[in-house]
Amino acid sequence: MVAHFDVLVVGAGLSGIGAACRLRQQAPDRTYAILEARDTIGGTWDLFRYPGVRSDSDMFTLGYPFRPWRKEQAIASGAEILEYLRETAAEHGITRHVRFGHRVVRASWSSASARWTVEASHDGEIVPFTCSFLYLCSGYYSYENGHVVDFPGRASFRGEIVHPQFWPEELDLSGKRVVVIGSGATAVTLVPELASTAKSVTMLQRSPSYVLARQRTDSLARRLRGVLPSRLAYRVVRAKNVLVATLLYQVSRRLPRRTAAFLGGAAAKQLPASIPVDPHFSPRYQPWDQRLCLTPGADFFAALRSGKADIVTDRIARFTPDGITLESGAHLPADVIVTATGLRVIAFGGIDLTVDGEVINPSEQLVYKGMMLGGVPNLAWCIGYVNASWTLRSDLVSRYVCRVLNHLSRNGFDTCVPHPPALPPARRRPIMNLTSGYLTRAASALPRQGDRRPWLMRQNYLLDAADLRLSRVDDGVLRFGRRSRSA
């Protein structure tokens, strides 16, 4: 017999666990299950095991609003985040609802039955489920493959080539010369960690990023915990961090030259004389065209000052048996090369979607309120912000999904579907408005957004919080209906 649930959640990572908690709190009459492809909870925070893996958002906003982050540090390690997720799932009774080892491969909607049939691969067999509402919380990148660049001469290199997404536990870097290819958050995280054990570490970047130092702990949180109840202190610090992040982003977009000068000046104060800001910390793009790279406790700059780490801005000509030759003619010797070249972005976890037999092409879809697909019934897709903590938005989405589910129940409806406008290509935009390589590579494979609400995905938590909590669910765009009872 096929198991049926009111809601099927796909993914047991940060978004999926949060979604299940919100279902229990705000739609407790709904049955649900979580289908998780891997054998454990945690998603990204269980998958990534490279040295120094950590959050690049503070835990007061990356953590759930209903479960305060109680540790001292604001920037947490991957292991600490994983522990937080597992404790949250256990405390809220979520773990027993997770079907581990179930990789969803396809989902088919039937208007006649007003149900999704979801097929998951488990132990080499296809296991079917049905649900009334499908909630995709699997993120936006592939867990199976990172972005791999086929550098010329790659096969000739005699050392070890490692992608951070699949870090080998047995890798020993003691006494080794390491080159880290990349300039993003992963590279900035890896360099100081590897420098503590390797003989030398060189970060090789084709183009620089903005790097901003921040404290590991939150001084306001430390002071408030001594005078306020823990939950109230958490809310105050969370609100403060939301406001600061929003202000930084808005100032960056409105005053890009001044912000770039500020970030460059801040970096210059941290750098040794041998490493100038230009060209190594002077990006060609404006602040927040790509995410800022955070270095907690300025550990990245400290590694550069120590002399055990260096930075080179150049292009790769080819790999050689003992290193990398650059287009400038210089040669970087290496025993280990780390290719921090980014993620491989995919839509909907790679799940094939059909509606009444018609294949849903992700790139042709417009996204309603940044969470539902135009013309696709009873489905939501959870993605976070690109300019702030992922959880800020994923929690808003989960709460809105609960509002939709409750509206369906109260009014005896079976279906909800956003009706998209007929927008010409010129008015369709990438859903994530950053120029980062991993996003631009995938722009043609992801759904699109429009140029006005509710088809515009705003990168503003304050506006979204008001909209998604207070606006009418039956806004005339999201339309509700009943299936034929004879069907």
Protein backbone atom coordinates (compact mmCIF):
# COMPACT_ATOMS: atom_id res chain seq x y z
CA MET A 1 0.00 0.00 0.00
CA VAL A 2 1.31 3.45 -0.92
CA ALA A 3 1.89 5.70 2.09
CA HIS A 4 0.03 9.02 1.91
CA PHE A 5 0.84 12.22 3.81
CA ASP A 6 -0.70 15.65 3.82
CA VAL A 7 2.77 17.14 3.32
CA LEU A 8 5.99 15.58 2.05
CA VAL A 9 9.14 17.55 2.83
CA VAL A 10 12.19 16.76 0.70
CA GLY A 11 15.47 17.18 2.56
CA ALA A 12 16.46 16.94 6.23
CA GLY A 13 18.93 19.82 6.36
CA LEU A 14 18.56 23.29 7.83
CA SER A 15 15.45 24.10 5.76
CA GLY A 16 13.75 20.72 6.08
CA ILE A 17 14.11 20.47 9.86
CA GLY A 18 12.85 24.03 10.21
CA ALA A 19 9.91 23.26 7.92
CA ALA A 20 8.92 20.23 9.99
CA CYS A 21 9.11 22.26 13.20
CA ARG A 22 6.82 24.92 11.73
CA LEU A 23 4.35 22.28 10.54
CA ARG A 24 4.15 20.90 14.08
CA GLN A 25 3.70 24.39 15.54
CA GLN A 26 1.37 26.03 13.03
CA ALA A 27 -0.35 23.20 11.12
CA PRO A 28 -0.41 20.43 13.73
CA ASP A 29 -3.36 18.64 12.14
CA ARG A 30 -1.33 17.85 9.02
CA THR A 31 0.48 14.52 8.65
CA TYR A 32 3.96 14.78 7.18
CA ALA A 33 7.16 12.91 6.45
CA ILE A 34 10.65 14.01 5.40
CA LEU A 35 12.39 12.16 2.59
CA GLU A 36 16.17 12.41 2.98
CA ALA A 37 18.57 11.00 0.39
CA ARG A 38 21.42 10.53 2.83
CA ASP A 39 21.56 8.41 5.98
CA THR A 40 21.66 11.22 8.49
CA ILE A 41 20.27 14.64 9.35
CA GLY A 42 22.19 17.79 8.55
CA GLY A 43 22.31 18.39 4.82
CA THR A 44 25.13 20.77 3.96
CA TRP A 45 26.48 20.70 7.49
CA ASP A 46 26.93 16.95 7.45
CA LEU A 47 28.18 16.79 3.86
CA PHE A 48 30.95 19.38 4.09
CA ARG A 49 33.91 18.08 6.10
CA TYR A 50 36.77 20.24 4.85
CA PRO A 51 39.07 21.77 7.50
CA GLY A 52 37.62 24.82 9.21
CA VAL A 53 34.15 24.53 7.65
CA ARG A 54 31.92 27.10 9.35
CA SER A 55 28.98 29.39 8.84
CA ASP A 56 29.44 32.68 7.01
CA SER A 57 26.38 34.10 8.76
CA ASP A 58 26.03 34.73 12.47
CA MET A 59 24.22 32.01 14.39
CA PHE A 60 21.71 34.45 15.86
CA THR A 61 20.18 34.72 12.38
CA LEU A 62 21.27 31.35 10.96
CA GLY A 63 19.70 29.65 13.96
CA TYR A 64 15.95 29.11 14.24
CA PRO A 65 13.91 31.90 15.86
CA PHE A 66 12.12 29.32 18.02
CA ARG A 67 15.35 27.75 19.38
CA PRO A 68 17.91 30.24 20.70
CA TRP A 69 21.60 29.83 19.93
CA ARG A 70 23.19 29.65 23.38
CA LYS A 71 26.90 29.32 22.67
CA GLU A 72 29.35 32.18 23.04
CA GLN A 73 30.60 32.46 19.47
CA ALA A 74 28.50 34.08 16.78
CA ILE A 75 30.30 32.29 13.93
CA ALA A 76 30.01 28.53 14.49
CA SER A 77 31.92 25.56 13.13
CA GLY A 78 30.22 23.03 10.90
CA ALA A 79 30.28 20.47 13.72
CA GLU A 80 28.54 22.89 16.09
CA ILE A 81 25.85 23.71 13.53
CA LEU A 82 25.29 19.99 12.90
CA GLU A 83 24.91 19.38 16.63
CA TYR A 84 22.42 22.26 16.85
CA LEU A 85 20.35 20.81 13.99
CA ARG A 86 20.27 17.32 15.44
CA GLU A 87 19.34 18.59 18.89
CA THR A 88 16.54 20.69 17.38
CA ALA A 89 15.17 17.70 15.47
CA ALA A 90 15.27 15.52 18.58
CA GLU A 91 13.67 18.12 20.88
CA HIS A 92 10.79 18.73 18.46
CA GLY A 93 10.17 15.07 17.67
CA ILE A 94 11.21 15.46 14.04
CA THR A 95 13.73 12.64 13.69
CA ARG A 96 11.15 9.84 13.76
CA HIS A 97 9.41 11.39 10.74
CA VAL A 98 12.52 11.21 8.53
CA ARG A 99 12.75 8.43 5.93
CA PHE A 100 16.51 8.13 5.48
CA GLY A 101 18.10 6.82 2.29
CA HIS A 102 15.15 7.94 0.15
CA ARG A 103 16.37 9.95 -2.83
CA VAL A 104 13.42 11.57 -4.63
CA VAL A 105 13.81 11.15 -8.37
CA ARG A 106 10.44 12.30 -9.73
CA ALA A 107 7.12 13.76 -8.68
CA SER A 108 3.91 13.77 -10.72
CA TRP A 109 0.82 15.86 -10.02
CA SER A 110 -2.66 14.61 -10.89
CA SER A 111 -5.43 17.19 -11.01
CA ALA A 112 -8.03 14.43 -10.97
CA SER A 113 -6.92 13.23 -7.53
CA ALA A 114 -5.35 16.53 -6.39
CA ARG A 115 -2.28 14.61 -5.28
CA TRP A 116 1.40 14.31 -5.96
CA THR A 117 2.86 10.87 -6.56
CA VAL A 118 6.45 11.00 -5.37
CA GLU A 119 8.94 8.30 -6.33
CA ALA A 120 12.04 7.79 -4.22
CA SER A 121 14.99 5.49 -4.81
CA HIS A 122 15.69 3.37 -1.72
CA ASP A 123 18.08 0.41 -1.59
CA GLY A 124 17.98 0.08 -5.36
CA GLU A 125 14.20 0.09 -5.60
CA ILE A 126 11.62 2.78 -6.35
CA VAL A 127 9.33 3.47 -3.40
CA PRO A 128 6.17 5.51 -4.14
CA PHE A 129 4.47 7.97 -1.81
CA THR A 130 1.53 10.28 -2.32
CA CYS A 131 0.92 13.67 -0.75
CA SER A 132 -1.45 16.60 -0.98
CA PHE A 133 1.33 19.19 -0.78
CA LEU A 134 4.99 18.87 -1.79
CA TYR A 135 7.60 21.04 -0.08
CA LEU A 136 11.08 20.99 -1.60
CA CYS A 137 13.76 21.83 1.00
CA SER A 138 16.75 20.30 -0.75
CA GLY A 139 18.62 23.54 -1.44
CA TYR A 140 19.97 24.51 -4.83
CA TYR A 141 23.19 22.57 -5.42
CA SER A 142 24.20 19.00 -6.17
CA TYR A 143 25.42 16.84 -3.30
CA GLU A 144 26.89 14.35 -5.79
CA ASN A 145 29.10 16.67 -7.85
CA GLY A 146 30.89 19.94 -7.25
CA HIS A 147 31.93 22.26 -10.07
CA VAL A 148 35.09 20.78 -11.57
CA VAL A 149 37.27 22.72 -14.00
CA ASP A 150 39.25 20.63 -16.47
CA PHE A 151 42.47 22.61 -16.24
CA PRO A 152 45.01 21.90 -18.99
CA GLY A 153 47.55 19.32 -17.88
CA ARG A 154 45.47 18.27 -14.88
CA ALA A 155 46.26 14.58 -15.42
CA SER A 156 50.00 15.26 -15.36
CA PHE A 157 50.04 16.52 -11.76
CA ARG A 158 51.76 13.93 -9.55
CA GLY A 159 50.32 15.16 -6.27
CA GLU A 160 46.79 14.97 -4.91
CA ILE A 161 43.91 17.09 -6.24
CA VAL A 162 41.08 17.64 -3.74
CA HIS A 163 37.66 19.27 -4.07
CA PRO A 164 36.48 20.71 -0.71
CA GLN A 165 33.01 19.17 -1.11
CA PHE A 166 34.62 15.72 -0.91
CA TRP A 167 37.49 16.18 1.51
CA PRO A 168 39.34 12.91 2.28
CA GLU A 169 39.56 12.28 6.02
CA GLU A 170 42.99 10.65 5.73
CA LEU A 171 44.64 13.60 3.94
CA ASP A 172 47.79 14.64 5.81
CA LEU A 173 49.17 18.05 4.85
CA SER A 174 52.11 18.11 7.25
CA GLY A 175 55.15 19.47 5.47
CA LYS A 176 53.22 19.81 2.20
CA ARG A 177 53.06 22.76 -0.18
CA VAL A 178 49.39 23.50 -0.85
CA VAL A 179 47.78 25.63 -3.54
CA VAL A 180 44.11 26.56 -3.03
CA ILE A 181 42.44 27.60 -6.29
CA GLY A 182 39.59 30.02 -5.61
CA SER A 183 38.71 33.32 -3.99
CA GLY A 184 35.33 32.71 -2.39
CA ALA A 185 34.15 31.83 1.08
CA THR A 186 35.50 28.26 0.95
CA ALA A 187 39.00 29.39 -0.02
CA VAL A 188 39.02 32.14 2.61
CA THR A 189 37.98 29.53 5.20
CA LEU A 190 40.51 26.91 4.11
CA VAL A 191 43.65 29.04 3.90
CA PRO A 192 44.11 29.86 7.62
CA GLU A 193 43.14 26.33 8.65
CA LEU A 194 45.55 24.63 6.25
CA ALA A 195 48.34 27.08 7.11
CA SER A 196 48.37 25.72 10.66
CA THR A 197 49.63 22.32 9.46
CA ALA A 198 50.98 22.63 5.91
CA LYS A 199 54.47 23.81 5.04
CA SER A 200 52.99 26.61 2.94
CA VAL A 201 49.63 27.61 1.50
CA THR A 202 49.05 29.78 -1.56
CA MET A 203 45.61 31.04 -2.48
CA LEU A 204 45.53 31.33 -6.27
CA GLN A 205 42.71 33.52 -7.53
CA ARG A 206 41.75 34.55 -11.03
CA SER A 207 39.92 37.59 -9.63
CA PRO A 208 39.70 38.91 -6.06
CA SER A 209 36.79 39.10 -3.63
CA TYR A 210 35.85 41.54 -0.91
CA VAL A 211 36.96 40.12 2.43
CA LEU A 212 35.64 41.57 5.68
CA ALA A 213 36.89 40.71 9.18
CA ARG A 214 34.36 40.32 11.98
CA GLN A 215 34.46 39.26 15.60
CA ARG A 216 33.89 35.63 16.47
CA THR A 217 31.65 36.55 19.39
CA ASP A 218 28.79 39.03 19.71
CA SER A 219 29.55 41.52 22.47
CA LEU A 220 25.91 42.59 22.80
CA ALA A 221 24.82 38.97 23.26
CA ARG A 222 27.43 38.48 25.96
CA ARG A 223 26.21 41.54 27.87
CA LEU A 224 22.48 40.85 27.48
CA ARG A 225 22.69 37.25 28.63
CA GLY A 226 23.65 38.46 32.05
CA VAL A 227 20.61 40.72 32.48
CA LEU A 228 17.79 39.35 30.28
CA PRO A 229 16.06 35.97 29.97
CA SER A 230 17.80 33.89 27.29
CA ARG A 231 14.94 33.98 24.76
CA LEU A 232 14.50 37.73 25.04
CA ALA A 233 18.25 38.30 24.74
CA TYR A 234 18.28 36.08 21.65
CA ARG A 235 15.46 38.06 20.02
CA VAL A 236 17.16 41.39 20.69
CA VAL A 237 20.51 40.23 19.26
CA ARG A 238 18.78 38.61 16.29
CA ALA A 239 16.92 41.84 15.52
CA LYS A 240 20.13 43.86 15.86
CA ASN A 241 22.00 41.57 13.48
CA VAL A 242 19.18 41.66 10.93
CA LEU A 243 19.23 45.47 10.99
CA VAL A 244 23.02 45.66 10.69
CA ALA A 245 23.13 43.21 7.77
CA THR A 246 20.27 45.00 6.02
CA LEU A 247 21.96 48.37 6.49
CA LEU A 248 25.30 47.08 5.20
CA TYR A 249 23.66 45.67 2.08
CA GLN A 250 21.59 48.79 1.38
CA VAL A 251 24.58 51.11 1.86
CA SER A 252 26.70 48.86 -0.37
CA ARG A 253 24.18 49.00 -3.20
CA ARG A 254 23.50 52.73 -2.91
CA LEU A 255 27.08 53.87 -2.27
CA PRO A 256 29.20 51.22 -3.99
CA ARG A 257 32.34 53.31 -4.44
CA ARG A 258 32.46 54.41 -0.82
CA THR A 259 31.75 50.88 0.37
CA ALA A 260 34.50 49.47 -1.87
CA ALA A 261 36.93 52.07 -0.53
CA PHE A 262 35.96 51.21 3.05
CA LEU A 263 36.42 47.46 2.49
CA GLY A 264 39.74 48.02 0.73
CA GLY A 265 40.96 50.28 3.54
CA ALA A 266 39.92 47.77 6.18
CA ALA A 267 41.80 45.01 4.35
CA ALA A 268 44.90 47.20 3.97
CA LYS A 269 45.13 47.62 7.75
CA GLN A 270 45.24 43.83 8.15
CA LEU A 271 47.67 42.96 5.36
CA PRO A 272 51.45 42.63 5.50
CA ALA A 273 53.48 45.11 3.44
CA SER A 274 54.33 42.36 0.94
CA ILE A 275 50.67 41.96 -0.09
CA PRO A 276 49.09 45.12 -1.57
CA VAL A 277 45.35 45.67 -1.72
CA ASP A 278 45.58 46.15 -5.47
CA PRO A 279 45.33 43.73 -7.21
CA HIS A 280 44.65 41.10 -4.53
CA PHE A 281 41.69 42.74 -2.77
CA SER A 282 40.33 45.09 -5.45
CA PRO A 283 37.48 43.25 -7.22
CA ARG A 284 36.25 44.38 -10.61
CA TYR A 285 32.65 44.12 -9.40
CA GLN A 286 30.78 46.28 -6.91
CA PRO A 287 30.15 45.22 -3.30
CA TRP A 288 27.34 42.68 -3.05
CA ASP A 289 27.39 41.86 -6.75
CA GLN A 290 28.77 38.74 -5.07
CA ARG A 291 28.61 37.70 -1.42
CA LEU A 292 31.12 39.26 0.95
CA CYS A 293 33.65 36.80 2.34
CA LEU A 294 33.82 36.92 6.12
CA THR A 295 36.93 36.08 8.09
CA PRO A 296 36.07 35.56 11.79
CA GLY A 297 38.69 36.96 14.11
CA ALA A 298 40.54 38.12 10.96
CA ASP A 299 42.12 34.63 10.81
CA PHE A 300 42.61 34.83 7.04
CA PHE A 301 44.61 38.05 7.33
CA ALA A 302 46.56 36.63 10.30
CA ALA A 303 47.62 33.66 8.16
CA LEU A 304 48.88 36.04 5.47
CA ARG A 305 50.81 38.05 8.05
CA SER A 306 52.38 34.91 9.49
CA GLY A 307 54.22 34.17 6.26
CA LYS A 308 52.81 30.63 6.05
CA ALA A 309 50.13 31.75 3.60
CA ASP A 310 50.34 33.86 0.48
CA ILE A 311 47.98 35.09 -2.22
CA VAL A 312 48.55 35.20 -5.98
CA THR A 313 46.23 36.86 -8.51
CA ASP A 314 46.81 35.35 -11.94
CA ARG A 315 45.36 32.90 -14.45
CA ILE A 316 46.28 29.24 -14.80
CA ALA A 317 48.12 28.27 -17.98
CA ARG A 318 48.40 24.58 -17.09
CA PHE A 319 49.08 22.04 -14.37
CA THR A 320 52.55 20.52 -14.35
CA PRO A 321 53.83 17.38 -12.62
CA ASP A 322 54.95 19.43 -9.62
CA GLY A 323 52.63 22.44 -9.55
CA ILE A 324 50.92 25.08 -11.66
CA THR A 325 52.28 27.31 -14.39
CA LEU A 326 50.57 30.71 -14.61
CA GLU A 327 49.87 32.86 -17.65
CA SER A 328 52.39 35.38 -16.31
CA GLY A 329 55.07 32.69 -16.66
CA ALA A 330 55.46 32.14 -12.91
CA HIS A 331 55.33 28.64 -11.48
CA LEU A 332 53.71 27.65 -8.19
CA PRO A 333 55.18 24.46 -6.72
CA ALA A 334 52.61 22.20 -5.07
CA ASP A 335 52.26 18.82 -3.44
CA VAL A 336 48.49 19.20 -3.00
CA ILE A 337 46.06 21.29 -5.07
CA VAL A 338 42.66 22.19 -3.59
CA THR A 339 40.12 23.17 -6.24
CA ALA A 340 37.73 25.47 -4.37
CA THR A 341 36.04 26.21 -7.68
CA GLY A 342 32.46 26.22 -6.44
CA LEU A 343 29.22 24.29 -6.43
CA ARG A 344 27.17 22.73 -9.20
CA VAL A 345 23.79 24.38 -8.93
CA ILE A 346 20.65 22.40 -9.79
CA ALA A 347 16.94 23.15 -9.48
CA PHE A 348 14.64 21.23 -7.11
CA GLY A 349 17.34 18.77 -6.09
CA GLY A 350 17.36 17.36 -9.61
CA ILE A 351 13.80 16.00 -9.25
CA ASP A 352 11.82 15.53 -12.45
CA LEU A 353 8.44 17.27 -12.10
CA THR A 354 5.33 16.74 -14.20
CA VAL A 355 1.82 18.20 -13.95
CA ASP A 356 -0.89 16.08 -15.56
CA GLY A 357 1.75 14.47 -17.74
CA GLU A 358 3.38 17.73 -18.84
CA VAL A 359 7.08 18.05 -18.00
CA ILE A 360 7.97 21.10 -15.91
CA ASN A 361 11.09 22.82 -17.26
CA PRO A 362 12.59 24.79 -14.34
CA SER A 363 14.03 27.55 -16.55
CA GLU A 364 10.57 28.34 -17.94
CA GLN A 365 8.96 28.84 -14.54
CA LEU A 366 8.25 32.14 -12.80
CA VAL A 367 8.51 32.03 -9.03
CA TYR A 368 5.66 33.45 -6.95
CA LYS A 369 6.80 35.19 -3.74
CA GLY A 370 10.13 33.41 -4.13
CA MET A 371 8.64 30.05 -3.18
CA MET A 372 5.91 28.68 -5.51
CA LEU A 373 6.01 27.99 -9.24
CA GLY A 374 3.55 29.64 -11.58
CA GLY A 375 1.07 27.10 -12.88
CA VAL A 376 2.29 24.30 -10.59
CA PRO A 377 -0.25 23.28 -7.92
CA ASN A 378 0.40 22.51 -4.26
CA LEU A 379 4.17 22.87 -4.35
CA ALA A 380 6.66 25.15 -2.62
CA TRP A 381 10.42 25.49 -3.06
CA CYS A 382 12.46 26.74 -0.13
CA ILE A 383 15.50 28.90 -0.85
CA GLY A 384 17.13 31.47 1.38
CA TYR A 385 18.65 34.88 0.89
CA VAL A 386 21.86 35.51 -1.02
CA ASN A 387 22.65 38.65 0.98
CA ALA A 388 21.80 37.44 4.49
CA SER A 389 21.33 34.31 6.55
CA TRP A 390 19.66 31.43 4.72
CA THR A 391 17.38 30.69 7.67
CA LEU A 392 15.87 34.17 7.78
CA ARG A 393 14.09 33.49 4.53
CA SER A 394 13.60 29.74 4.82
CA ASP A 395 11.70 30.24 8.07
CA LEU A 396 9.47 32.91 6.50
CA VAL A 397 8.71 30.53 3.62
CA SER A 398 7.83 27.67 5.99
CA ARG A 399 5.51 29.88 7.99
CA TYR A 400 3.80 31.06 4.81
CA VAL A 401 3.38 27.47 3.63
CA CYS A 402 1.60 26.78 6.92
CA ARG A 403 -0.68 29.77 6.29
CA VAL A 404 -1.54 28.35 2.86
CA LEU A 405 -2.22 24.89 4.30
CA ASN A 406 -4.48 26.33 6.98
CA HIS A 407 -6.38 28.38 4.40
CA LEU A 408 -6.96 25.22 2.39
CA SER A 409 -8.33 23.43 5.46
CA ARG A 410 -10.56 26.23 6.70
CA ASN A 411 -12.23 26.71 3.35
CA GLY A 412 -12.48 23.13 2.15
CA PHE A 413 -10.09 23.68 -0.76
CA ASP A 414 -7.88 20.98 -2.24
CA THR A 415 -5.61 22.97 -4.54
CA CYS A 416 -3.67 26.21 -4.70
CA VAL A 417 -1.79 27.40 -7.76
CA PRO A 418 -0.20 30.76 -8.62
CA HIS A 419 -1.33 32.07 -12.02
CA PRO A 420 1.66 33.71 -13.70
CA PRO A 421 1.50 36.75 -15.97
CA ALA A 422 2.62 36.52 -19.60
CA LEU A 423 5.97 38.25 -19.11
CA PRO A 424 8.23 38.75 -22.15
CA PRO A 425 11.86 37.54 -21.81
CA ALA A 426 13.08 41.11 -21.25
CA ARG A 427 11.14 41.28 -17.98
CA ARG A 428 12.33 37.91 -16.68
CA ARG A 429 15.35 37.95 -14.39
CA PRO A 430 17.60 35.34 -12.75
CA ILE A 431 16.13 34.26 -9.44
CA MET A 432 19.42 35.01 -7.64
CA ASN A 433 20.78 38.41 -8.56
CA LEU A 434 24.48 37.81 -7.90
CA THR A 435 27.31 37.53 -10.42
CA SER A 436 29.08 34.69 -8.58
CA GLY A 437 30.38 32.07 -10.99
CA TYR A 438 28.37 29.19 -9.55
CA LEU A 439 25.14 31.16 -10.02
CA THR A 440 25.83 32.61 -13.47
CA ARG A 441 26.75 29.12 -14.71
CA ALA A 442 23.35 27.84 -13.58
CA ALA A 443 21.17 30.85 -14.43
CA SER A 444 19.71 29.18 -17.52
CA ALA A 445 18.72 26.07 -15.53
CA LEU A 446 16.96 27.81 -12.64
CA PRO A 447 13.47 29.33 -12.47
CA ARG A 448 13.14 33.05 -13.15
CA GLN A 449 11.63 35.98 -11.31
CA GLY A 450 9.69 38.91 -12.66
CA ASP A 451 10.18 42.63 -12.21
CA ARG A 452 7.38 43.34 -9.73
CA ARG A 453 5.61 41.75 -6.80
CA PRO A 454 4.53 39.03 -6.20
CA TRP A 455 6.82 37.62 -8.90
CA LEU A 456 9.83 39.63 -7.73
CA MET A 457 12.03 37.92 -5.14
CA ARG A 458 13.21 40.70 -2.85
CA GLN A 459 16.47 40.37 -0.95
CA ASN A 460 15.08 42.24 2.05
CA TYR A 461 14.07 40.39 5.20
CA LEU A 462 12.24 43.34 6.76
CA LEU A 463 9.95 43.80 3.76
CA ASP A 464 9.44 40.06 3.33
CA ALA A 465 8.64 39.55 7.00
CA ALA A 466 5.82 42.10 6.80
CA ASP A 467 4.54 40.77 3.48
CA LEU A 468 4.60 37.04 4.23
CA ARG A 469 3.16 37.40 7.72
CA LEU A 470 0.48 40.02 7.10
CA SER A 471 -0.59 39.91 3.46
CA ARG A 472 -3.71 38.04 2.34
CA VAL A 473 -3.15 34.47 1.24
CA ASP A 474 -6.03 34.67 -1.25
CA ASP A 475 -4.56 37.62 -3.13
CA GLY A 476 -6.14 36.78 -6.46
CA VAL A 477 -2.84 35.52 -7.88
CA LEU A 478 -2.67 32.41 -5.71
CA ARG A 479 -5.92 30.72 -6.65
CA PHE A 480 -7.69 27.99 -4.72
CA GLY A 481 -9.98 25.26 -5.92
CA ARG A 482 -11.68 21.95 -5.19
CA ARG A 483 -11.26 18.72 -7.08
CA SER A 484 -14.25 16.92 -8.46
CA ARG A 485 -15.61 14.70 -5.68
CA SER A 486 -16.66 12.14 -8.28
CA ALA A 487 -13.00 11.96 -9.33
